[in-house]
C-alpha atoms as a PDB file:
ATOM      1  CA  MET A   1     -46.750   3.041  51.825  1.00  0.00           C
ATOM      2  CA  GLY A   2     -46.649   4.664  48.396  1.00  0.00           C
ATOM      3  CA  THR A   3     -48.607   3.419  45.438  1.00  0.00           C
ATOM      4  CA  ILE A   4     -46.649   1.436  42.814  1.00  0.00           C
ATOM      5  CA  VAL A   5     -47.684   2.371  39.306  1.00  0.00           C
ATOM      6  CA  ASN A   6     -47.102  -0.208  36.557  1.00  0.00           C
ATOM      7  CA  PRO A   7     -46.173   1.494  33.316  1.00  0.00           C
ATOM      8  CA  SER A   8     -48.513   0.814  30.447  1.00  0.00           C
ATOM      9  CA  ALA A   9     -47.431  -1.024  27.349  1.00  0.00           C
ATOM     10  CA  ALA A  10     -47.823   2.206  25.396  1.00  0.00           C
ATOM     11  CA  THR A  11     -45.436   4.023  27.740  1.00  0.00           C
ATOM     12  CA  ILE A  12     -42.840   1.280  27.361  1.00  0.00           C
ATOM     13  CA  LEU A  13     -43.174   1.373  23.551  1.00  0.00           C
ATOM     14  CA  VAL A  14     -42.709   5.145  23.441  1.00  0.00           C
ATOM     15  CA  ALA A  15     -39.594   4.903  25.623  1.00  0.00           C
ATOM     16  CA  SER A  16     -38.152   2.145  23.456  1.00  0.00           C
ATOM     17  CA  LEU A  17     -38.723   4.131  20.273  1.00  0.00           C
ATOM     18  CA  ALA A  18     -37.104   7.186  21.804  1.00  0.00           C
ATOM     19  CA  ALA A  19     -34.024   5.173  22.703  1.00  0.00           C
ATOM     20  CA  MET A  20     -33.814   3.738  19.198  1.00  0.00           C
ATOM     21  CA  ILE A  21     -33.989   7.216  17.667  1.00  0.00           C
ATOM     22  CA  ALA A  22     -31.436   8.645  20.075  1.00  0.00           C
ATOM     23  CA  ALA A  23     -28.836   5.920  19.506  1.00  0.00           C
ATOM     24  CA  PRO A  24     -28.048   6.772  15.859  1.00  0.00           C
ATOM     25  CA  SER A  25     -27.999  10.466  16.735  1.00  0.00           C
ATOM     26  CA  ALA A  26     -25.346   9.846  19.374  1.00  0.00           C
ATOM     27  CA  GLY A  27     -23.277   7.849  16.889  1.00  0.00           C
ATOM     28  CA  LEU A  28     -23.572  10.644  14.332  1.00  0.00           C
ATOM     29  CA  ALA A  29     -22.397  13.183  16.880  1.00  0.00           C
ATOM     30  CA  GLN A  30     -19.340  11.072  17.612  1.00  0.00           C
ATOM     31  CA  SER A  31     -18.595  10.850  13.879  1.00  0.00           C
ATOM     32  CA  THR A  32     -18.987  14.519  13.036  1.00  0.00           C
ATOM     33  CA  ASP A  33     -16.568  15.736  15.722  1.00  0.00           C
ATOM     34  CA  TYR A  34     -13.890  13.222  14.741  1.00  0.00           C
ATOM     35  CA  PRO A  35     -11.191  13.241  15.928  1.00  0.00           C
ATOM     36  CA  ASN A  36     -11.745  14.184  19.554  1.00  0.00           C
ATOM     37  CA  GLN A  37      -9.131  11.911  21.154  1.00  0.00           C
ATOM     38  CA  ARG A  38      -5.767  10.288  20.429  1.00  0.00           C
ATOM     39  CA  ILE A  39      -5.349   8.435  17.137  1.00  0.00           C
ATOM     40  CA  ASN A  40      -3.025   5.445  16.828  1.00  0.00           C
ATOM     41  CA  PHE A  41      -1.338   4.737  13.497  1.00  0.00           C
ATOM     42  CA  ILE A  42      -0.228   1.092  13.414  1.00  0.00           C
ATOM     43  CA  VAL A  43       2.463   0.830  10.721  1.00  0.00           C
ATOM     44  CA  GLY A  44       3.027  -2.665   9.386  1.00  0.00           C
ATOM     45  CA  PHE A  45       6.714  -2.185   8.642  1.00  0.00           C
ATOM     46  CA  ALA A  46       9.952  -1.007  10.219  1.00  0.00           C
ATOM     47  CA  ALA A  47      10.842   2.636  10.810  1.00  0.00           C
ATOM     48  CA  GLY A  48      12.276   4.380   7.772  1.00  0.00           C
ATOM     49  CA  GLY A  49      10.409   2.287   5.220  1.00  0.00           C
ATOM     50  CA  PHE A  50       7.862   3.216   2.556  1.00  0.00           C
ATOM     51  CA  ALA A  51       4.768   3.041   4.783  1.00  0.00           C
ATOM     52  CA  ASP A  52       6.488   4.418   7.880  1.00  0.00           C
ATOM     53  CA  THR A  53       7.745   7.544   6.089  1.00  0.00           C
ATOM     54  CA  ILE A  54       4.313   8.455   4.723  1.00  0.00           C
ATOM     55  CA  GLY A  55       2.583   7.487   7.956  1.00  0.00           C
ATOM     56  CA  ARG A  56       4.794   9.780  10.021  1.00  0.00           C
ATOM     57  CA  MET A  57       4.406  12.662   7.582  1.00  0.00           C
ATOM     58  CA  VAL A  58       0.626  12.433   7.836  1.00  0.00           C
ATOM     59  CA  ALA A  59       0.636  11.809  11.600  1.00  0.00           C
ATOM     60  CA  ALA A  60       2.624  14.966  12.358  1.00  0.00           C
ATOM     61  CA  ARG A  61       0.358  17.249  10.334  1.00  0.00           C
ATOM     62  CA  LEU A  62      -2.882  15.528  11.333  1.00  0.00           C
ATOM     63  CA  GLY A  63      -1.936  16.090  14.955  1.00  0.00           C
ATOM     64  CA  GLU A  64      -1.353  19.786  14.276  1.00  0.00           C
ATOM     65  CA  ARG A  65      -4.533  20.204  12.250  1.00  0.00           C
ATOM     66  CA  SER A  66      -6.798  18.337  14.665  1.00  0.00           C
ATOM     67  CA  GLY A  67      -5.241  19.313  17.985  1.00  0.00           C
ATOM     68  CA  GLN A  68      -5.142  15.626  18.950  1.00  0.00           C
ATOM     69  CA  ALA A  69      -2.103  13.414  19.472  1.00  0.00           C
ATOM     70  CA  VAL A  70      -1.389  11.006  16.615  1.00  0.00           C
ATOM     71  CA  ILE A  71       0.918   8.219  17.763  1.00  0.00           C
ATOM     72  CA  VAL A  72       2.854   6.047  15.298  1.00  0.00           C
ATOM     73  CA  GLN A  73       3.571   2.484  16.365  1.00  0.00           C
ATOM     74  CA  ASN A  74       5.653   0.153  14.191  1.00  0.00           C
ATOM     75  CA  MET A  75       4.604  -3.500  14.261  1.00  0.00           C
ATOM     76  CA  GLU A  76       6.743  -5.084  11.562  1.00  0.00           C
ATOM     77  CA  GLY A  77       6.488  -8.785  10.913  1.00  0.00           C
ATOM     78  CA  GLY A  78       5.090 -11.160   8.307  1.00  0.00           C
ATOM     79  CA  GLY A  79       4.970  -8.614   5.500  1.00  0.00           C
ATOM     80  CA  GLY A  80       2.455  -6.435   7.336  1.00  0.00           C
ATOM     81  CA  ILE A  81       0.408  -9.332   8.702  1.00  0.00           C
ATOM     82  CA  ARG A  82       1.142  -8.737  12.388  1.00  0.00           C
ATOM     83  CA  ALA A  83      -0.030  -5.121  12.252  1.00  0.00           C
ATOM     84  CA  ALA A  84      -3.101  -5.952  10.189  1.00  0.00           C
ATOM     85  CA  ARG A  85      -4.127  -8.631  12.668  1.00  0.00           C
ATOM     86  CA  ARG A  86      -3.745  -6.113  15.512  1.00  0.00           C
ATOM     87  CA  VAL A  87      -6.028  -3.563  13.853  1.00  0.00           C
ATOM     88  CA  THR A  88      -8.816  -6.100  13.283  1.00  0.00           C
ATOM     89  CA  THR A  89      -9.156  -6.378  17.073  1.00  0.00           C
ATOM     90  CA  ALA A  90      -9.508  -2.607  17.611  1.00  0.00           C
ATOM     91  CA  PRO A  91     -12.829  -0.764  18.029  1.00  0.00           C
ATOM     92  CA  ALA A  92     -14.328   0.424  14.743  1.00  0.00           C
ATOM     93  CA  ASP A  93     -14.244   4.085  15.734  1.00  0.00           C
ATOM     94  CA  GLY A  94     -11.437   5.578  13.627  1.00  0.00           C
ATOM     95  CA  TYR A  95      -8.912   5.851  16.433  1.00  0.00           C
ATOM     96  CA  THR A  96      -6.808   2.834  15.427  1.00  0.00           C
ATOM     97  CA  ILE A  97      -5.642   3.071  11.821  1.00  0.00           C
ATOM     98  CA  LEU A  98      -3.536   0.614   9.856  1.00  0.00           C
ATOM     99  CA  VAL A  99      -0.880   2.264   7.692  1.00  0.00           C
ATOM    100  CA  THR A 100       0.356  -0.344   5.260  1.00  0.00           C
ATOM    101  CA  THR A 101       1.301  -1.139   1.685  1.00  0.00           C
ATOM    102  CA  THR A 102       0.064  -3.211  -1.217  1.00  0.00           C
ATOM    103  CA  SER A 103       0.998  -6.206   0.924  1.00  0.00           C
ATOM    104  CA  LEU A 104      -2.499  -6.062   2.423  1.00  0.00           C
ATOM    105  CA  ALA A 105      -3.942  -6.846  -1.018  1.00  0.00           C
ATOM    106  CA  ILE A 106      -1.191  -9.306  -1.960  1.00  0.00           C
ATOM    107  CA  ASN A 107      -1.434 -11.340   1.243  1.00  0.00           C
ATOM    108  CA  GLU A 108      -5.098 -12.038   0.576  1.00  0.00           C
ATOM    109  CA  SER A 109      -4.007 -14.725  -1.907  1.00  0.00           C
ATOM    110  CA  LEU A 110      -0.359 -15.195  -0.913  1.00  0.00           C
ATOM    111  CA  VAL A 111      -0.849 -16.130   2.769  1.00  0.00           C
ATOM    112  CA  PRO A 112      -4.092 -18.076   3.325  1.00  0.00           C
ATOM    113  CA  ASP A 113      -3.593 -18.589   7.082  1.00  0.00           C
ATOM    114  CA  ARG A 114      -2.848 -14.982   8.071  1.00  0.00           C
ATOM    115  CA  GLY A 115      -5.714 -14.793  10.609  1.00  0.00           C
ATOM    116  CA  TYR A 116      -7.919 -12.145   8.960  1.00  0.00           C
ATOM    117  CA  THR A 117      -9.501 -11.255   5.613  1.00  0.00           C
ATOM    118  CA  ALA A 118      -9.600  -8.078   3.561  1.00  0.00           C
ATOM    119  CA  SER A 119     -13.305  -7.742   4.380  1.00  0.00           C
ATOM    120  CA  GLN A 120     -12.303  -6.798   7.938  1.00  0.00           C
ATOM    121  CA  PHE A 121     -10.900  -3.476   6.702  1.00  0.00           C
ATOM    122  CA  GLU A 122     -12.271  -0.255   5.259  1.00  0.00           C
ATOM    123  CA  ALA A 123      -9.949   1.589   2.855  1.00  0.00           C
ATOM    124  CA  ALA A 124     -10.047   5.186   4.056  1.00  0.00           C
ATOM    125  CA  ALA A 125      -7.358   6.582   1.747  1.00  0.00           C
ATOM    126  CA  LEU A 126      -4.882   5.234  -0.813  1.00  0.00           C
ATOM    127  CA  PRO A 127      -3.058   8.412  -1.828  1.00  0.00           C
ATOM    128  CA  ILE A 128       0.550   7.375  -2.526  1.00  0.00           C
ATOM    129  CA  SER A 129       1.838   4.946  -5.134  1.00  0.00           C
ATOM    130  CA  ALA A 130       4.802   4.058  -7.314  1.00  0.00           C
ATOM    131  CA  PRO A 131       5.026   1.602 -10.209  1.00  0.00           C
ATOM    132  CA  GLU A 132       7.090  -1.561 -10.207  1.00  0.00           C
ATOM    133  CA  SER A 133      10.166  -1.556 -12.438  1.00  0.00           C
ATOM    134  CA  LEU A 134      13.076  -3.542 -13.840  1.00  0.00           C
ATOM    135  CA  SER A 135      16.595  -2.084 -13.883  1.00  0.00           C
ATOM    136  CA  THR A 136      20.076  -3.152 -14.945  1.00  0.00           C
ATOM    137  CA  SER A 137      23.513  -1.827 -14.077  1.00  0.00           C
ATOM    138  CA  THR A 138      25.110   0.614 -16.516  1.00  0.00           C
ATOM    139  CA  LYS A 139      28.032  -1.849 -16.599  1.00  0.00           C
ATOM    140  CA  SER A 140      25.751  -4.464 -18.125  1.00  0.00           C
ATOM    141  CA  PRO A 141      25.511  -4.882 -21.918  1.00  0.00           C
ATOM    142  CA  ILE A 142      21.715  -5.027 -21.502  1.00  0.00           C
ATOM    143  CA  LYS A 143      20.221  -1.619 -22.319  1.00  0.00           C
ATOM    144  CA  THR A 144      16.596  -2.403 -23.274  1.00  0.00           C
ATOM    145  CA  LEU A 145      13.764  -4.638 -22.116  1.00  0.00           C
ATOM    146  CA  ALA A 146      13.939  -6.570 -25.393  1.00  0.00           C
ATOM    147  CA  GLN A 147      17.608  -7.362 -24.777  1.00  0.00           C
ATOM    148  CA  LEU A 148      16.795  -8.481 -21.237  1.00  0.00           C
ATOM    149  CA  VAL A 149      14.083 -10.852 -22.459  1.00  0.00           C
ATOM    150  CA  ALA A 150      16.454 -12.308 -25.063  1.00  0.00           C
ATOM    151  CA  GLU A 151      19.061 -12.994 -22.379  1.00  0.00           C
ATOM    152  CA  ALA A 152      16.406 -14.503 -20.099  1.00  0.00           C
ATOM    153  CA  LYS A 153      15.274 -16.890 -22.837  1.00  0.00           C
ATOM    154  CA  ALA A 154      18.892 -17.971 -23.151  1.00  0.00           C
ATOM    155  CA  GLY A 155      18.909 -18.759 -19.418  1.00  0.00           C
ATOM    156  CA  LYS A 156      21.435 -16.061 -18.546  1.00  0.00           C
ATOM    157  CA  VAL A 157      19.431 -13.775 -16.236  1.00  0.00           C
ATOM    158  CA  PHE A 158      19.542 -13.660 -12.437  1.00  0.00           C
ATOM    159  CA  MET A 159      16.916 -11.378 -10.929  1.00  0.00           C
ATOM    160  CA  GLY A 160      17.256  -9.694  -7.552  1.00  0.00           C
ATOM    161  CA  SER A 161      14.496  -8.330  -5.329  1.00  0.00           C
ATOM    162  CA  ALA A 162      13.908  -7.331  -1.710  1.00  0.00           C
ATOM    163  CA  GLY A 163      12.592 -10.721  -0.635  1.00  0.00           C
ATOM    164  CA  ILE A 164      10.255 -13.522  -1.644  1.00  0.00           C
ATOM    165  CA  GLY A 165       6.604 -12.527  -1.909  1.00  0.00           C
ATOM    166  CA  SER A 166       7.137  -8.771  -2.223  1.00  0.00           C
ATOM    167  CA  GLY A 167       5.117  -6.891  -4.815  1.00  0.00           C
ATOM    168  CA  SER A 168       8.250  -6.302  -6.869  1.00  0.00           C
ATOM    169  CA  HIS A 169       9.103 -10.010  -6.836  1.00  0.00           C
ATOM    170  CA  ILE A 170       5.606 -11.162  -7.757  1.00  0.00           C
ATOM    171  CA  ALA A 171       5.195  -8.591 -10.551  1.00  0.00           C
ATOM    172  CA  ALA A 172       8.577  -9.447 -12.057  1.00  0.00           C
ATOM    173  CA  GLU A 173       7.961 -13.194 -11.870  1.00  0.00           C
ATOM    174  CA  TYR A 174       4.615 -12.640 -13.608  1.00  0.00           C
ATOM    175  CA  PHE A 175       6.283 -10.640 -16.360  1.00  0.00           C
ATOM    176  CA  PHE A 176       9.021 -13.170 -17.046  1.00  0.00           C
ATOM    177  CA  LYS A 177       6.998 -16.379 -16.657  1.00  0.00           C
ATOM    178  CA  VAL A 178       3.636 -15.382 -18.099  1.00  0.00           C
ATOM    179  CA  LEU A 179       4.117 -12.431 -20.442  1.00  0.00           C
ATOM    180  CA  ALA A 180       7.688 -12.822 -21.714  1.00  0.00           C
ATOM    181  CA  LYS A 181       7.726 -16.620 -21.264  1.00  0.00           C
ATOM    182  CA  ALA A 182      11.345 -16.414 -20.184  1.00  0.00           C
ATOM    183  CA  PRO A 183      11.757 -17.662 -16.578  1.00  0.00           C
ATOM    184  CA  VAL A 184      14.706 -16.309 -14.604  1.00  0.00           C
ATOM    185  CA  LYS A 185      16.599 -17.343 -11.491  1.00  0.00           C
ATOM    186  CA  HIS A 186      15.425 -15.309  -8.494  1.00  0.00           C
ATOM    187  CA  ILE A 187      17.917 -14.145  -5.860  1.00  0.00           C
ATOM    188  CA  PRO A 188      16.127 -12.642  -2.830  1.00  0.00           C
ATOM    189  CA  PHE A 189      17.880 -10.015  -0.696  1.00  0.00           C
ATOM    190  CA  PRO A 190      17.020  -8.870   2.863  1.00  0.00           C
ATOM    191  CA  GLY A 191      15.856  -5.410   1.785  1.00  0.00           C
ATOM    192  CA  GLY A 192      15.969  -2.797  -0.957  1.00  0.00           C
ATOM    193  CA  ASN A 193      19.466  -1.451  -0.303  1.00  0.00           C
ATOM    194  CA  PRO A 194      21.158  -4.887  -0.283  1.00  0.00           C
ATOM    195  CA  ALA A 195      19.286  -5.732  -3.496  1.00  0.00           C
ATOM    196  CA  MET A 196      20.572  -2.558  -5.154  1.00  0.00           C
ATOM    197  CA  MET A 197      24.109  -3.383  -4.026  1.00  0.00           C
ATOM    198  CA  GLY A 198      23.676  -6.849  -5.508  1.00  0.00           C
ATOM    199  CA  LEU A 199      22.823  -5.283  -8.864  1.00  0.00           C
ATOM    200  CA  LEU A 200      25.715  -2.803  -8.802  1.00  0.00           C
ATOM    201  CA  SER A 201      28.223  -5.493  -7.790  1.00  0.00           C
ATOM    202  CA  GLY A 202      27.085  -7.790 -10.580  1.00  0.00           C
ATOM    203  CA  ASP A 203      25.614 -10.488  -8.352  1.00  0.00           C
ATOM    204  CA  VAL A 204      22.342 -10.215 -10.283  1.00  0.00           C
ATOM    205  CA  THR A 205      21.547  -9.208 -13.856  1.00  0.00           C
ATOM    206  CA  VAL A 206      18.377  -7.258 -13.192  1.00  0.00           C
ATOM    207  CA  LEU A 207      16.696  -5.670 -10.196  1.00  0.00           C
ATOM    208  CA  ALA A 208      12.942  -5.856  -9.631  1.00  0.00           C
ATOM    209  CA  ALA A 209      11.976  -2.911  -7.430  1.00  0.00           C
ATOM    210  CA  THR A 210       9.377  -0.246  -6.873  1.00  0.00           C
ATOM    211  CA  ALA A 211      10.398   2.877  -8.809  1.00  0.00           C
ATOM    212  CA  THR A 212      10.912   5.123  -5.791  1.00  0.00           C
ATOM    213  CA  GLY A 213      13.829   7.266  -4.614  1.00  0.00           C
ATOM    214  CA  ASN A 214      16.498   4.547  -4.679  1.00  0.00           C
ATOM    215  CA  ILE A 215      15.786   3.712  -8.312  1.00  0.00           C
ATOM    216  CA  SER A 216      15.488   7.307  -9.520  1.00  0.00           C
ATOM    217  CA  ARG A 217      18.674   8.342  -7.716  1.00  0.00           C
ATOM    218  CA  ALA A 218      20.600   5.389  -9.125  1.00  0.00           C
ATOM    219  CA  VAL A 219      19.406   6.282 -12.633  1.00  0.00           C
ATOM    220  CA  GLN A 220      20.225   9.965 -12.197  1.00  0.00           C
ATOM    221  CA  ASN A 221      23.662   9.090 -10.798  1.00  0.00           C
ATOM    222  CA  GLY A 222      24.412   6.963 -13.838  1.00  0.00           C
ATOM    223  CA  ASP A 223      24.626   3.716 -11.864  1.00  0.00           C
ATOM    224  CA  THR A 224      21.605   1.944 -13.335  1.00  0.00           C
ATOM    225  CA  ILE A 225      19.355   1.886 -16.375  1.00  0.00           C
ATOM    226  CA  ALA A 226      15.636   1.578 -15.716  1.00  0.00           C
ATOM    227  CA  LEU A 227      14.293  -0.604 -18.525  1.00  0.00           C
ATOM    228  CA  ALA A 228      10.539  -0.261 -17.945  1.00  0.00           C
ATOM    229  CA  ILE A 229       7.908   0.720 -15.398  1.00  0.00           C
ATOM    230  CA  ALA A 230       4.606  -1.094 -14.868  1.00  0.00           C
ATOM    231  CA  ALA A 231       2.337   1.937 -15.208  1.00  0.00           C
ATOM    232  CA  SER A 232      -0.179   3.290 -17.701  1.00  0.00           C
ATOM    233  CA  GLU A 233       2.002   6.336 -18.389  1.00  0.00           C
ATOM    234  CA  ARG A 234       5.599   7.417 -17.867  1.00  0.00           C
ATOM    235  CA  SER A 235       6.771   8.642 -14.494  1.00  0.00           C
ATOM    236  CA  PRO A 236       7.494  12.371 -14.150  1.00  0.00           C
ATOM    237  CA  VAL A 237      10.563  11.405 -12.098  1.00  0.00           C
ATOM    238  CA  LEU A 238      11.819   9.015 -14.807  1.00  0.00           C
ATOM    239  CA  PRO A 239      10.439  10.550 -18.017  1.00  0.00           C
ATOM    240  CA  ALA A 240      12.890   8.728 -20.301  1.00  0.00           C
ATOM    241  CA  VAL A 241      11.874   5.287 -19.044  1.00  0.00           C
ATOM    242  CA  PRO A 242       9.223   3.536 -21.160  1.00  0.00           C
ATOM    243  CA  THR A 243       6.236   1.717 -19.739  1.00  0.00           C
ATOM    244  CA  PHE A 244       5.986  -2.038 -20.252  1.00  0.00           C
ATOM    245  CA  ALA A 245       3.172  -1.345 -22.700  1.00  0.00           C
ATOM    246  CA  GLU A 246       5.414   0.911 -24.768  1.00  0.00           C
ATOM    247  CA  ALA A 247       8.037  -1.841 -24.739  1.00  0.00           C
ATOM    248  CA  GLY A 248       5.552  -4.348 -26.141  1.00  0.00           C
ATOM    249  CA  TYR A 249       3.861  -5.788 -23.050  1.00  0.00           C
ATOM    250  CA  PRO A 250       0.477  -4.055 -22.560  1.00  0.00           C
ATOM    251  CA  GLY A 251      -0.678  -6.618 -19.983  1.00  0.00           C
ATOM    252  CA  MET A 252       1.888  -5.502 -17.396  1.00  0.00           C
ATOM    253  CA  SER A 253       0.496  -3.165 -14.740  1.00  0.00           C
ATOM    254  CA  ALA A 254       1.531  -3.227 -11.089  1.00  0.00           C
ATOM    255  CA  ALA A 255       2.167  -0.593  -8.462  1.00  0.00           C
ATOM    256  CA  SER A 256       2.916  -0.415  -4.776  1.00  0.00           C
ATOM    257  CA  TRP A 257       0.927   2.005  -2.646  1.00  0.00           C
ATOM    258  CA  VAL A 258       0.624   3.245   0.908  1.00  0.00           C
ATOM    259  CA  GLY A 259      -2.868   3.214   2.358  1.00  0.00           C
ATOM    260  CA  PHE A 260      -4.778   4.090   5.523  1.00  0.00           C
ATOM    261  CA  PHE A 261      -7.255   1.443   6.696  1.00  0.00           C
ATOM    262  CA  ALA A 262      -9.789   1.295   9.518  1.00  0.00           C
ATOM    263  CA  PRO A 263     -11.570  -1.740  10.990  1.00  0.00           C
ATOM    264  CA  ALA A 264     -14.749  -2.760   9.155  1.00  0.00           C
ATOM    265  CA  GLY A 265     -17.814  -1.076  10.612  1.00  0.00           C
ATOM    266  CA  THR A 266     -16.138   2.296  11.154  1.00  0.00           C
ATOM    267  CA  PRO A 267     -18.740   5.060  10.564  1.00  0.00           C
ATOM    268  CA  GLU A 268     -18.713   6.413   7.028  1.00  0.00           C
ATOM    269  CA  ALA A 269     -18.475   9.979   8.302  1.00  0.00           C
ATOM    270  CA  VAL A 270     -15.234   9.101  10.108  1.00  0.00           C
ATOM    271  CA  LEU A 271     -13.785   7.420   7.016  1.00  0.00           C
ATOM    272  CA  ALA A 272     -14.718  10.409   4.859  1.00  0.00           C
ATOM    273  CA  LYS A 273     -13.122  12.836   7.343  1.00  0.00           C
ATOM    274  CA  LEU A 274      -9.917  10.792   7.486  1.00  0.00           C
ATOM    275  CA  ASN A 275      -9.846  10.619   3.703  1.00  0.00           C
ATOM    276  CA  SER A 276     -10.191  14.382   3.289  1.00  0.00           C
ATOM    277  CA  GLU A 277      -7.560  15.095   5.944  1.00  0.00           C
ATOM    278  CA  VAL A 278      -4.983  12.712   4.446  1.00  0.00           C
ATOM    279  CA  ASN A 279      -5.520  14.092   0.950  1.00  0.00           C
ATOM    280  CA  ALA A 280      -5.326  17.698   2.133  1.00  0.00           C
ATOM    281  CA  ILE A 281      -2.120  17.073   4.104  1.00  0.00           C
ATOM    282  CA  LEU A 282      -0.307  15.372   1.250  1.00  0.00           C
ATOM    283  CA  GLN A 283      -1.229  18.180  -1.150  1.00  0.00           C
ATOM    284  CA  GLU A 284       0.446  20.826   1.001  1.00  0.00           C
ATOM    285  CA  PRO A 285       3.405  22.326  -0.920  1.00  0.00           C
ATOM    286  CA  GLU A 286       6.114  21.051   1.405  1.00  0.00           C
ATOM    287  CA  MET A 287       4.589  17.566   1.517  1.00  0.00           C
ATOM    288  CA  ALA A 288       4.091  17.487  -2.251  1.00  0.00           C
ATOM    289  CA  LYS A 289       7.741  18.368  -2.812  1.00  0.00           C
ATOM    290  CA  ARG A 290       8.953  15.623  -0.460  1.00  0.00           C
ATOM    291  CA  ILE A 291       6.738  13.093  -2.198  1.00  0.00           C
ATOM    292  CA  GLU A 292       7.931  14.100  -5.659  1.00  0.00           C
ATOM    293  CA  THR A 293      11.631  13.962  -4.739  1.00  0.00           C
ATOM    294  CA  SER A 294      11.043  10.483  -3.313  1.00  0.00           C
ATOM    295  CA  GLY A 295       9.874   9.293  -6.714  1.00  0.00           C
ATOM    296  CA  LEU A 296       6.341   8.733  -5.443  1.00  0.00           C
ATOM    297  CA  GLN A 297       3.036   9.821  -6.943  1.00  0.00           C
ATOM    298  CA  MET A 298       0.261  11.531  -5.009  1.00  0.00           C
ATOM    299  CA  THR A 299      -3.252  10.853  -6.321  1.00  0.00           C
ATOM    300  CA  VAL A 300      -6.331  12.364  -4.699  1.00  0.00           C
ATOM    301  CA  ARG A 301      -8.862   9.568  -4.336  1.00  0.00           C
ATOM    302  CA  SER A 302     -12.187   9.795  -2.574  1.00  0.00           C
ATOM    303  CA  ARG A 303     -13.144   7.301   0.069  1.00  0.00           C
ATOM    304  CA  ALA A 304     -15.213   5.370  -2.522  1.00  0.00           C
ATOM    305  CA  GLU A 305     -12.390   5.453  -5.088  1.00  0.00           C
ATOM    306  CA  SER A 306      -9.942   4.175  -2.477  1.00  0.00           C
ATOM    307  CA  ALA A 307     -12.200   1.230  -1.666  1.00  0.00           C
ATOM    308  CA  LYS A 308     -12.645   0.481  -5.376  1.00  0.00           C
ATOM    309  CA  LEU A 309      -8.871   0.489  -5.992  1.00  0.00           C
ATOM    310  CA  PHE A 310      -8.254  -1.786  -3.010  1.00  0.00           C
ATOM    311  CA  ASN A 311     -10.798  -4.351  -4.192  1.00  0.00           C
ATOM    312  CA  ALA A 312      -9.460  -4.227  -7.767  1.00  0.00           C
ATOM    313  CA  ASP A 313      -5.893  -4.681  -6.535  1.00  0.00           C
ATOM    314  CA  ILE A 314      -6.836  -7.758  -4.513  1.00  0.00           C
ATOM    315  CA  LYS A 315      -8.026  -9.367  -7.755  1.00  0.00           C
ATOM    316  CA  ASN A 316      -5.051  -8.119  -9.780  1.00  0.00           C
ATOM    317  CA  TRP A 317      -2.442  -9.465  -7.351  1.00  0.00           C
ATOM    318  CA  SER A 318      -4.368 -12.692  -6.902  1.00  0.00           C
ATOM    319  CA  THR A 319      -4.132 -13.279 -10.651  1.00  0.00           C
ATOM    320  CA  MET A 320      -0.366 -12.786 -10.546  1.00  0.00           C
ATOM    321  CA  VAL A 321       0.207 -14.855  -7.405  1.00  0.00           C
ATOM    322  CA  LEU A 322      -1.803 -17.806  -8.723  1.00  0.00           C
ATOM    323  CA  ALA A 323      -0.098 -17.588 -12.128  1.00  0.00           C
ATOM    324  CA  VAL A 324       3.460 -17.715 -10.789  1.00  0.00           C
ATOM    325  CA  GLY A 325       2.889 -19.878  -7.723  1.00  0.00           C
ATOM    326  CA  VAL A 326       4.957 -17.682  -5.418  1.00  0.00           C
ATOM    327  CA  PRO A 327       5.690 -19.350  -2.072  1.00  0.00           C
ATOM    328  CA  LYS A 328       4.644 -17.442   1.024  1.00  0.00           C
ATOM    329  CA  ASN A 329       7.198 -15.804   3.325  1.00  0.00           C
END
């Protein structure tokens, strides 16, 4: 019968220390070769929308650049809530990414019982944005923001938007109620295109919408007049349109963005790699042209800058939501 040797306490300690040292090294190795397997983009909205379009553009090129499949799955519902909830249950390894809009920041104060918090996400990249805007039909006698406010104070303005609780709706309500002190009657529509048709048919006086392709095309076609955009400077796509600040309302700043988010706890090296890949892809000439013609703005933000913007936007939208008392969807 062989002799059984009991390991000494020192031997056990050395083995334990070796395991502790090896564990972080293994995690680092997994981070530095990211991605080495399929990536799932969970888009919080329907196909063809703002987030879906950008998500698919990035997915196609990221797949080519990395040699890994990047699958896009649409999980619309609850203004992005369903998809966000799904991503919080995924492993924090960078292979399940939420592609969503400003709704993730807005819902933090708009929908208290959504089933997750913003702290359960890491903002990897927030590269695409467009300011909120107010527009009227060219058939309307209203040609300036000042004229619109005067009509609103007289109780004659009906405002259309793509649904209750959208960024466009909240920003516009904040402008009229808090800054202009001229409340309007809100008419929600089931989407951006129906809302635009409502404006052109005269069902509403003004349209609150993100200044993307639909708005710029309508302006260029002579169908609408964009009265103001909620940005710090004029849009290169709509250079003749003043900012709210230029029109006398410096406190008005609101934009919608598309962002890429990972579950909290995802290794920083993975987040940094995803950030650099997304930024590089969207700066490619063909991508940049598509973004510009869509009326969107591409801004290169580091991983840290993306996280800072996300946290600031949560506070900004919370201020607006609490001020106007917008009901949840």
